[in-house]
Amino acid sequence: MESGASPPAPPFAENEPRRTGVEVKRSDAPLRVLHVVAPAALGGLERVVHGLTRGLVERGHAITVATVLASPQDTGFVSTLRTGGVTVQPLVVRQRGYLEERRRIRGLIEELGVSIVHTHGFRPDVIDSGVARRLGVATISTVHGFTGGGWRVRAYERTQIAMLRRFDAVVAVSSPLAESLRRSGVSGSRVHTIRNAWVGVDSALDRRAARSALGLAPDGFVIGWVGRMGAEKDPLSFVDGLAMLSDLPLHAVAIGDGPMLEPARARARVRHISERLHLPGNLPNAGSLFAAFDLFVMTSRTEGTPIVLLEAMAAGVPIVATEVGGIPELLGGTGILVPPKSPAALASALRTIIQNEERAAGLAQAGRERLRLEFAIGPWVAAYEALYRSLAGVRQAHAGRPGNST
């Protein structure tokens, strides 16, 4: 085991649930599940894994998260999991150390006696899931979405989809994503739609504190944008849309890092809005800052069930978002939808909200109510638990048969 890593989960009798707001329901037999993730900076995927594993621990299950890391430096994800009572096994593996990674994942599966391996993201799906299948352990992947883009990314995604066809269950976080997986050849009987839930923010700041943290004045209208600065999130459309609102007194903040950050800064200079648009890069605990915004914008070209929209709904911030992927299903009419790659349509929707306080307040209230009714953490964790139980032991019946190895 990794030096300094958390010990394996204790025996079931000692694995008492922690009381942190999730309803605890004891089931007939606790489950032993290994989650595998190659985490980046704490983002949507990482938030989902954190909320799900914490909820499962609170239901009395023995949950371990194997984090595949390029260096021992903690991105914040490991400490966040441990704070929530989740056992973590950091696996520091060189970038292309795939054989070593598979060997260590195999060791964890055998040591912990898990009945299910749950992977999240390209690398665990492709590299690690086959180890579990060889050992007769059920495999589940949660697909958080595909970004598309250049030929290299598309090639990676085709490889991932080919591997997903071998899983016992594939969870899609939105109905459009589930349909896309079926069209790609993943068996319909193995595809399950479980939308992400709202797992909460432990350190959410109030409006004044959030604005102070962002270096903003306590008054004035502020538009927020949070996400990875990649082509799939289309920050340039956000910049161009803002430039069409030069007659309105407002400020904007776009939080995130990635290959499009410098192009976005350059576009802001060309469009003469650098003084009104702050592009700080990544900020720690960005989810705690949503109260600083009067309006939240998402300009993505592709999405699953984006956690940032749930964060905006929880903060009572009205939303303007592109009509792609799982966004319409998530909002359910509680935000304004615009076409992707259309700065003019975006600017028009923003103007509508900025100039109509009553409309803005109505959307914010509707969003909060929808969040409470449709995205509670308890039913979400229960849905995964039920799926686990339906598959626990399924691989043992087929272990050793031809065609079950990777």
Protein backbone atom coordinates (compact mmCIF):
# COMPACT_ATOMS: atom_id res chain seq x y z
CA MET A 1 0.00 0.00 0.00
CA GLU A 2 1.03 3.61 -0.56
CA SER A 3 3.07 5.04 2.25
CA GLY A 4 0.90 7.27 4.41
CA ALA A 5 -2.33 6.03 2.82
CA SER A 6 -5.45 5.39 4.82
CA PRO A 7 -5.85 1.79 6.06
CA PRO A 8 -8.48 -0.46 4.50
CA ALA A 9 -12.07 0.03 5.62
CA PRO A 10 -12.77 -1.54 9.05
CA PRO A 11 -15.02 -4.58 9.48
CA PHE A 12 -18.67 -3.86 8.83
CA ALA A 13 -19.62 -3.91 12.50
CA GLU A 14 -17.19 -1.07 13.13
CA ASN A 15 -18.11 0.95 10.06
CA GLU A 16 -20.75 3.08 11.74
CA PRO A 17 -22.48 5.79 9.67
CA ARG A 18 -21.54 9.41 10.17
CA ARG A 19 -24.27 12.00 10.70
CA THR A 20 -23.80 14.78 8.17
CA GLY A 21 -27.29 15.39 6.83
CA VAL A 22 -27.88 12.34 4.59
CA GLU A 23 -30.67 10.03 5.65
CA VAL A 24 -29.16 6.69 6.71
CA LYS A 25 -30.99 3.48 5.84
CA ARG A 26 -29.49 0.13 6.80
CA SER A 27 -29.77 -2.54 4.12
CA ASP A 28 -29.63 -6.31 4.52
CA ALA A 29 -25.92 -6.61 3.85
CA PRO A 30 -23.28 -3.89 3.52
CA LEU A 31 -21.41 -3.70 0.23
CA ARG A 32 -17.69 -3.47 -0.42
CA VAL A 33 -17.06 -1.14 -3.36
CA LEU A 34 -13.85 0.23 -4.85
CA HIS A 35 -14.13 3.52 -6.77
CA VAL A 36 -11.27 4.36 -9.12
CA VAL A 37 -10.64 7.90 -10.34
CA ALA A 38 -7.73 9.89 -11.78
CA PRO A 39 -8.65 13.25 -10.24
CA ALA A 40 -7.87 16.68 -11.57
CA ALA A 41 -8.43 19.88 -9.61
CA LEU A 42 -11.63 19.59 -7.60
CA GLY A 43 -14.37 19.88 -10.25
CA GLY A 44 -17.68 18.36 -11.26
CA LEU A 45 -16.56 14.74 -11.56
CA GLU A 46 -14.64 14.94 -8.31
CA ARG A 47 -17.61 16.51 -6.53
CA VAL A 48 -19.85 13.66 -7.72
CA VAL A 49 -17.43 11.00 -6.47
CA HIS A 50 -17.10 12.78 -3.13
CA GLY A 51 -20.85 13.11 -2.59
CA LEU A 52 -21.64 9.56 -3.69
CA THR A 53 -18.95 7.82 -1.68
CA ARG A 54 -19.71 9.85 1.44
CA GLY A 55 -23.40 9.00 1.11
CA LEU A 56 -22.61 5.30 0.71
CA VAL A 57 -20.38 5.34 3.80
CA GLU A 58 -23.21 6.94 5.76
CA ARG A 59 -25.44 4.03 4.70
CA GLY A 60 -23.00 1.62 6.30
CA HIS A 61 -21.11 0.39 3.25
CA ALA A 62 -17.35 -0.23 3.08
CA ILE A 63 -16.20 2.22 0.42
CA THR A 64 -12.64 2.82 -0.75
CA VAL A 65 -11.54 5.32 -3.39
CA ALA A 66 -8.34 4.60 -5.30
CA THR A 67 -6.96 7.88 -6.64
CA VAL A 68 -4.49 7.47 -9.52
CA LEU A 69 -2.07 10.38 -9.21
CA ALA A 70 0.97 11.48 -11.18
CA SER A 71 2.59 12.87 -8.02
CA PRO A 72 1.97 12.63 -4.27
CA GLN A 73 0.82 16.26 -4.21
CA ASP A 74 -2.82 16.42 -3.07
CA THR A 75 -5.09 18.36 -5.44
CA GLY A 76 -7.55 18.79 -2.55
CA PHE A 77 -9.62 15.82 -3.61
CA VAL A 78 -7.97 13.28 -1.29
CA SER A 79 -8.28 15.47 1.79
CA THR A 80 -11.90 16.30 0.92
CA LEU A 81 -12.77 12.60 0.74
CA ARG A 82 -11.07 11.82 4.03
CA THR A 83 -12.82 14.72 5.74
CA GLY A 84 -16.09 13.11 4.65
CA GLY A 85 -15.14 9.81 6.27
CA VAL A 86 -14.22 7.99 3.04
CA THR A 87 -11.22 5.64 2.96
CA VAL A 88 -8.70 6.68 0.30
CA GLN A 89 -5.84 4.75 -1.27
CA PRO A 90 -3.65 7.17 -3.28
CA LEU A 91 -1.78 5.35 -6.06
CA VAL A 92 1.11 7.46 -7.32
CA VAL A 93 1.83 6.12 -10.81
CA ARG A 94 3.97 7.61 -13.55
CA GLN A 95 2.04 8.93 -16.55
CA ARG A 96 2.33 5.79 -18.67
CA GLY A 97 2.84 3.29 -15.87
CA TYR A 98 -0.18 1.26 -16.92
CA LEU A 99 1.13 -2.20 -15.96
CA GLU A 100 2.08 -0.97 -12.50
CA GLU A 101 -1.32 0.70 -12.14
CA ARG A 102 -3.18 -2.49 -13.07
CA ARG A 103 -1.05 -4.53 -10.68
CA ARG A 104 -1.80 -2.20 -7.79
CA ILE A 105 -5.52 -2.05 -8.58
CA ARG A 106 -5.57 -5.85 -8.60
CA GLY A 107 -3.87 -5.86 -5.20
CA LEU A 108 -6.49 -3.52 -3.77
CA ILE A 109 -9.38 -5.58 -5.13
CA GLU A 110 -7.99 -8.76 -3.61
CA GLU A 111 -6.97 -7.15 -0.31
CA LEU A 112 -10.30 -5.40 0.27
CA GLY A 113 -12.47 -8.24 -1.03
CA VAL A 114 -14.67 -5.87 -3.02
CA SER A 115 -17.65 -7.14 -5.03
CA ILE A 116 -17.93 -4.05 -7.27
CA VAL A 117 -15.43 -1.75 -8.96
CA HIS A 118 -16.85 1.64 -9.99
CA THR A 119 -14.73 3.70 -12.37
CA HIS A 120 -15.03 7.38 -13.32
CA GLY A 121 -13.37 8.90 -16.37
CA PHE A 122 -11.30 7.83 -19.36
CA ARG A 123 -8.18 6.41 -17.69
CA PRO A 124 -9.90 4.19 -15.06
CA ASP A 125 -12.49 3.03 -17.62
CA VAL A 126 -9.84 1.95 -20.12
CA ILE A 127 -6.89 0.91 -17.96
CA ASP A 128 -8.35 -0.47 -14.74
CA SER A 129 -11.79 -1.97 -15.40
CA GLY A 130 -10.38 -5.06 -17.12
CA VAL A 131 -8.55 -6.03 -13.92
CA ALA A 132 -11.87 -6.34 -12.10
CA ARG A 133 -13.43 -8.39 -14.90
CA ARG A 134 -10.54 -10.85 -14.83
CA LEU A 135 -11.17 -11.34 -11.10
CA GLY A 136 -14.92 -11.91 -11.57
CA VAL A 137 -15.85 -8.57 -9.98
CA ALA A 138 -18.79 -6.51 -11.28
CA THR A 139 -17.84 -3.30 -13.10
CA ILE A 140 -19.75 -0.02 -13.25
CA SER A 141 -18.77 3.24 -14.90
CA THR A 142 -20.40 6.63 -14.48
CA VAL A 143 -20.10 8.58 -17.73
CA HIS A 144 -20.02 12.28 -16.92
CA GLY A 145 -20.01 13.41 -20.55
CA PHE A 146 -17.82 13.66 -23.63
CA THR A 147 -16.03 16.82 -24.72
CA GLY A 148 -15.43 16.08 -28.42
CA GLY A 149 -12.92 18.40 -30.03
CA GLY A 150 -9.82 17.46 -32.04
CA TRP A 151 -9.03 14.10 -33.60
CA ARG A 152 -6.94 12.97 -30.62
CA VAL A 153 -9.77 13.57 -28.14
CA ARG A 154 -12.27 11.88 -30.44
CA ALA A 155 -9.94 8.86 -30.72
CA TYR A 156 -9.73 8.65 -26.93
CA GLU A 157 -13.49 8.81 -26.64
CA ARG A 158 -13.96 6.03 -29.21
CA THR A 159 -11.58 3.87 -27.18
CA GLN A 160 -13.51 4.64 -24.01
CA ILE A 161 -16.87 3.80 -25.62
CA ALA A 162 -15.48 0.49 -26.92
CA MET A 163 -14.47 -0.36 -23.36
CA LEU A 164 -17.83 0.75 -21.91
CA ARG A 165 -19.52 -1.99 -23.97
CA ARG A 166 -17.84 -4.53 -21.68
CA PHE A 167 -19.13 -3.07 -18.39
CA ASP A 168 -21.90 -4.72 -16.40
CA ALA A 169 -23.54 -1.32 -15.96
CA VAL A 170 -22.95 2.14 -17.42
CA VAL A 171 -24.52 5.12 -15.68
CA ALA A 172 -25.32 8.19 -17.78
CA VAL A 173 -25.92 11.44 -15.89
CA SER A 174 -28.59 12.64 -18.34
CA SER A 175 -31.14 11.12 -20.72
CA PRO A 176 -29.48 12.55 -23.88
CA LEU A 177 -26.16 11.05 -22.78
CA ALA A 178 -27.85 7.68 -22.16
CA GLU A 179 -29.31 7.73 -25.66
CA SER A 180 -25.93 8.66 -27.12
CA LEU A 181 -24.34 5.66 -25.37
CA ARG A 182 -26.99 3.32 -26.77
CA ARG A 183 -26.43 4.66 -30.27
CA SER A 184 -22.70 4.05 -29.78
CA GLY A 185 -23.28 0.36 -29.19
CA VAL A 186 -23.52 0.09 -25.40
CA SER A 187 -26.26 -2.44 -24.66
CA GLY A 188 -29.49 -0.69 -23.69
CA SER A 189 -30.03 -3.15 -20.84
CA ARG A 190 -26.75 -2.03 -19.29
CA VAL A 191 -27.33 1.74 -19.58
CA HIS A 192 -28.90 3.42 -16.54
CA THR A 193 -29.78 7.10 -16.22
CA ILE A 194 -29.00 8.58 -12.80
CA ARG A 195 -28.80 12.37 -12.77
CA ASN A 196 -26.26 13.98 -10.51
CA ALA A 197 -27.53 15.27 -7.18
CA TRP A 198 -26.79 18.43 -5.27
CA VAL A 199 -24.21 17.43 -2.65
CA GLY A 200 -23.89 20.86 -1.07
CA VAL A 201 -21.00 23.23 -0.37
CA ASP A 202 -19.57 23.11 3.14
CA SER A 203 -18.00 26.57 3.06
CA ALA A 204 -20.42 28.66 0.99
CA LEU A 205 -19.84 32.38 1.50
CA ASP A 206 -22.50 35.05 1.76
CA ARG A 207 -22.77 37.77 -0.87
CA ARG A 208 -20.47 40.32 0.77
CA ALA A 209 -17.78 37.75 1.67
CA ALA A 210 -17.89 36.14 -1.78
CA ARG A 211 -17.52 39.49 -3.53
CA SER A 212 -14.67 40.44 -1.23
CA ALA A 213 -12.91 37.16 -2.05
CA LEU A 214 -13.23 37.98 -5.75
CA GLY A 215 -12.05 41.55 -5.30
CA LEU A 216 -15.45 42.97 -6.32
CA ALA A 217 -17.35 45.93 -4.95
CA PRO A 218 -20.26 44.97 -2.66
CA ASP A 219 -22.79 46.59 -4.99
CA GLY A 220 -23.28 46.53 -8.76
CA PHE A 221 -24.54 43.81 -11.11
CA VAL A 222 -22.18 40.82 -11.53
CA ILE A 223 -22.42 37.98 -14.08
CA GLY A 224 -20.62 34.74 -13.27
CA TRP A 225 -19.14 31.94 -15.39
CA VAL A 226 -17.35 28.92 -13.88
CA GLY A 227 -15.79 25.99 -15.72
CA ARG A 228 -12.82 24.53 -17.50
CA MET A 229 -11.45 26.97 -20.06
CA GLY A 230 -11.69 24.51 -22.93
CA ALA A 231 -13.31 24.70 -26.36
CA GLU A 232 -16.22 22.52 -25.17
CA LYS A 233 -17.16 25.21 -22.62
CA ASP A 234 -16.84 27.97 -25.25
CA PRO A 235 -15.69 30.89 -23.08
CA LEU A 236 -15.16 33.02 -26.21
CA SER A 237 -18.92 33.14 -26.79
CA PHE A 238 -19.25 34.47 -23.26
CA VAL A 239 -16.70 37.20 -23.98
CA ASP A 240 -18.39 38.13 -27.25
CA GLY A 241 -21.84 38.17 -25.65
CA LEU A 242 -20.65 40.51 -22.90
CA ALA A 243 -19.16 42.86 -25.49
CA MET A 244 -22.67 43.36 -26.89
CA LEU A 245 -23.83 44.74 -23.54
CA SER A 246 -21.44 47.70 -23.36
CA ASP A 247 -24.35 50.06 -22.70
CA LEU A 248 -25.25 48.32 -19.41
CA PRO A 249 -23.45 48.87 -16.09
CA LEU A 250 -22.18 45.42 -15.14
CA HIS A 251 -19.12 43.42 -14.24
CA ALA A 252 -18.34 39.77 -15.06
CA VAL A 253 -16.11 37.06 -13.63
CA ALA A 254 -15.11 33.89 -15.49
CA ILE A 255 -13.40 31.41 -13.14
CA GLY A 256 -11.40 28.51 -14.54
CA ASP A 257 -8.19 27.46 -16.23
CA GLY A 258 -7.39 25.63 -19.45
CA PRO A 259 -6.19 26.14 -23.01
CA MET A 260 -8.77 28.84 -23.77
CA LEU A 261 -7.86 31.11 -20.85
CA GLU A 262 -5.28 33.21 -22.69
CA PRO A 263 -7.39 33.39 -25.89
CA ALA A 264 -10.30 34.60 -23.74
CA ARG A 265 -8.12 37.30 -22.19
CA ALA A 266 -6.93 38.33 -25.66
CA ARG A 267 -10.51 38.43 -26.97
CA ALA A 268 -11.55 40.61 -24.02
CA ARG A 269 -8.78 43.08 -24.88
CA VAL A 270 -9.80 43.15 -28.55
CA ARG A 271 -13.46 43.69 -27.60
CA HIS A 272 -12.44 46.43 -25.10
CA ILE A 273 -14.06 44.78 -22.06
CA SER A 274 -10.96 43.79 -20.06
CA GLU A 275 -11.87 46.28 -17.34
CA ARG A 276 -15.33 44.72 -16.96
CA LEU A 277 -14.35 41.04 -17.25
CA HIS A 278 -12.14 39.43 -14.61
CA LEU A 279 -10.43 36.17 -15.66
CA PRO A 280 -8.54 34.96 -12.55
CA GLY A 281 -7.92 31.35 -13.63
CA ASN A 282 -8.63 28.55 -11.15
CA LEU A 283 -9.70 29.58 -7.66
CA PRO A 284 -9.85 27.21 -4.69
CA ASN A 285 -13.38 26.45 -3.50
CA ALA A 286 -15.00 28.23 -6.45
CA GLY A 287 -18.28 26.58 -5.47
CA SER A 288 -18.37 28.73 -2.35
CA LEU A 289 -18.41 31.98 -4.37
CA PHE A 290 -21.73 31.76 -6.24
CA ALA A 291 -23.50 34.20 -3.91
CA ALA A 292 -21.34 36.91 -5.49
CA PHE A 293 -23.28 36.59 -8.76
CA ASP A 294 -26.54 38.23 -9.81
CA LEU A 295 -26.71 36.01 -12.90
CA PHE A 296 -24.94 32.80 -13.90
CA VAL A 297 -24.03 31.85 -17.47
CA MET A 298 -23.07 28.53 -19.05
CA THR A 299 -21.95 28.59 -22.70
CA SER A 300 -21.07 24.90 -23.15
CA ARG A 301 -21.29 23.11 -26.50
CA THR A 302 -21.74 19.73 -24.78
CA GLU A 303 -22.76 18.76 -21.22
CA GLY A 304 -24.05 15.97 -19.00
CA THR A 305 -25.58 17.17 -15.72
CA PRO A 306 -23.30 20.11 -14.83
CA ILE A 307 -22.73 20.56 -11.12
CA VAL A 308 -22.10 24.30 -11.55
CA LEU A 309 -25.76 24.80 -12.50
CA LEU A 310 -26.82 23.05 -9.29
CA GLU A 311 -24.46 25.37 -7.41
CA ALA A 312 -26.08 28.40 -9.01
CA MET A 313 -29.57 27.11 -8.21
CA ALA A 314 -28.58 26.52 -4.58
CA ALA A 315 -27.23 30.07 -4.32
CA GLY A 316 -30.48 31.50 -5.70
CA VAL A 317 -28.87 32.85 -8.87
CA PRO A 318 -30.90 32.98 -12.13
CA ILE A 319 -29.36 31.04 -15.02
CA VAL A 320 -28.84 31.54 -18.75
CA ALA A 321 -27.42 28.41 -20.38
CA THR A 322 -27.01 26.77 -23.76
CA GLU A 323 -29.59 24.25 -24.89
CA VAL A 324 -27.25 21.25 -25.11
CA GLY A 325 -26.91 17.80 -23.53
CA GLY A 326 -28.56 17.39 -20.16
CA ILE A 327 -28.98 21.13 -19.46
CA PRO A 328 -32.66 21.43 -20.52
CA GLU A 329 -33.50 18.32 -18.49
CA LEU A 330 -31.65 19.73 -15.47
CA LEU A 331 -33.21 23.20 -15.55
CA GLY A 332 -36.73 22.04 -16.38
CA GLY A 333 -37.83 25.54 -17.37
CA THR A 334 -36.20 27.33 -14.42
CA GLY A 335 -33.61 29.13 -16.59
CA ILE A 336 -33.36 30.76 -19.99
CA LEU A 337 -31.95 28.52 -22.76
CA VAL A 338 -30.05 29.83 -25.78
CA PRO A 339 -28.44 28.12 -28.79
CA PRO A 340 -24.75 27.21 -28.46
CA LYS A 341 -22.14 29.28 -30.27
CA SER A 342 -24.52 32.26 -30.50
CA PRO A 343 -23.17 35.34 -28.68
CA ALA A 344 -26.06 37.46 -29.99
CA ALA A 345 -28.70 35.14 -28.52
CA LEU A 346 -26.73 35.02 -25.29
CA ALA A 347 -26.52 38.80 -25.07
CA SER A 348 -30.27 39.11 -25.69
CA ALA A 349 -31.08 36.66 -22.88
CA LEU A 350 -28.69 38.40 -20.49
CA ARG A 351 -30.28 41.74 -21.27
CA THR A 352 -33.72 40.29 -20.53
CA ILE A 353 -32.66 39.18 -17.05
CA ILE A 354 -30.65 42.30 -16.22
CA GLN A 355 -33.54 44.61 -17.11
CA ASN A 356 -36.30 42.56 -15.43
CA GLU A 357 -35.72 42.08 -11.71
CA GLU A 358 -39.06 40.34 -11.24
CA ARG A 359 -38.25 37.76 -13.93
CA ALA A 360 -34.83 37.19 -12.41
CA ALA A 361 -36.26 36.67 -8.92
CA GLY A 362 -38.87 34.24 -10.26
CA LEU A 363 -36.30 32.12 -12.04
CA ALA A 364 -34.05 32.06 -8.97
CA GLN A 365 -36.89 30.92 -6.72
CA ALA A 366 -38.02 28.27 -9.20
CA GLY A 367 -34.46 26.98 -9.45
CA ARG A 368 -34.13 26.60 -5.70
CA GLU A 369 -37.43 24.75 -5.48
CA ARG A 370 -36.50 22.41 -8.33
CA LEU A 371 -33.16 21.70 -6.67
CA ARG A 372 -34.95 20.73 -3.45
CA LEU A 373 -37.50 18.49 -5.16
CA GLU A 374 -35.48 16.86 -7.94
CA PHE A 375 -31.84 16.75 -6.87
CA ALA A 376 -31.83 15.57 -3.26
CA ILE A 377 -28.83 13.47 -2.30
CA GLY A 378 -30.75 10.70 -0.49
CA PRO A 379 -32.65 9.27 -3.50
CA TRP A 380 -29.52 9.67 -5.65
CA VAL A 381 -27.36 7.56 -3.35
CA ALA A 382 -30.21 5.04 -2.99
CA ALA A 383 -30.39 4.67 -6.78
CA TYR A 384 -26.71 3.76 -6.95
CA GLU A 385 -27.08 1.43 -3.99
CA ALA A 386 -29.95 -0.40 -5.73
CA LEU A 387 -27.88 -0.71 -8.90
CA TYR A 388 -24.94 -2.11 -6.94
CA ARG A 389 -27.17 -4.70 -5.30
CA SER A 390 -28.61 -5.78 -8.64
CA LEU A 391 -25.09 -6.51 -9.88
CA ALA A 392 -23.27 -7.74 -6.78
CA GLY A 393 -21.98 -11.20 -7.52
CA VAL A 394 -23.09 -11.16 -11.15
CA ARG A 395 -19.54 -11.57 -12.43
CA GLN A 396 -18.78 -14.53 -10.17
CA ALA A 397 -21.33 -16.60 -12.07
CA HIS A 398 -19.42 -15.91 -15.29
CA ALA A 399 -15.85 -15.88 -14.00
CA GLY A 400 -13.50 -17.98 -16.04
CA ARG A 401 -15.77 -18.22 -19.10
CA PRO A 402 -14.20 -17.38 -22.46
CA GLY A 403 -14.48 -13.74 -23.54
CA ASN A 404 -14.55 -12.25 -20.03
CA SER A 405 -10.99 -10.99 -19.96
CA THR A 406 -9.73 -7.71 -21.35
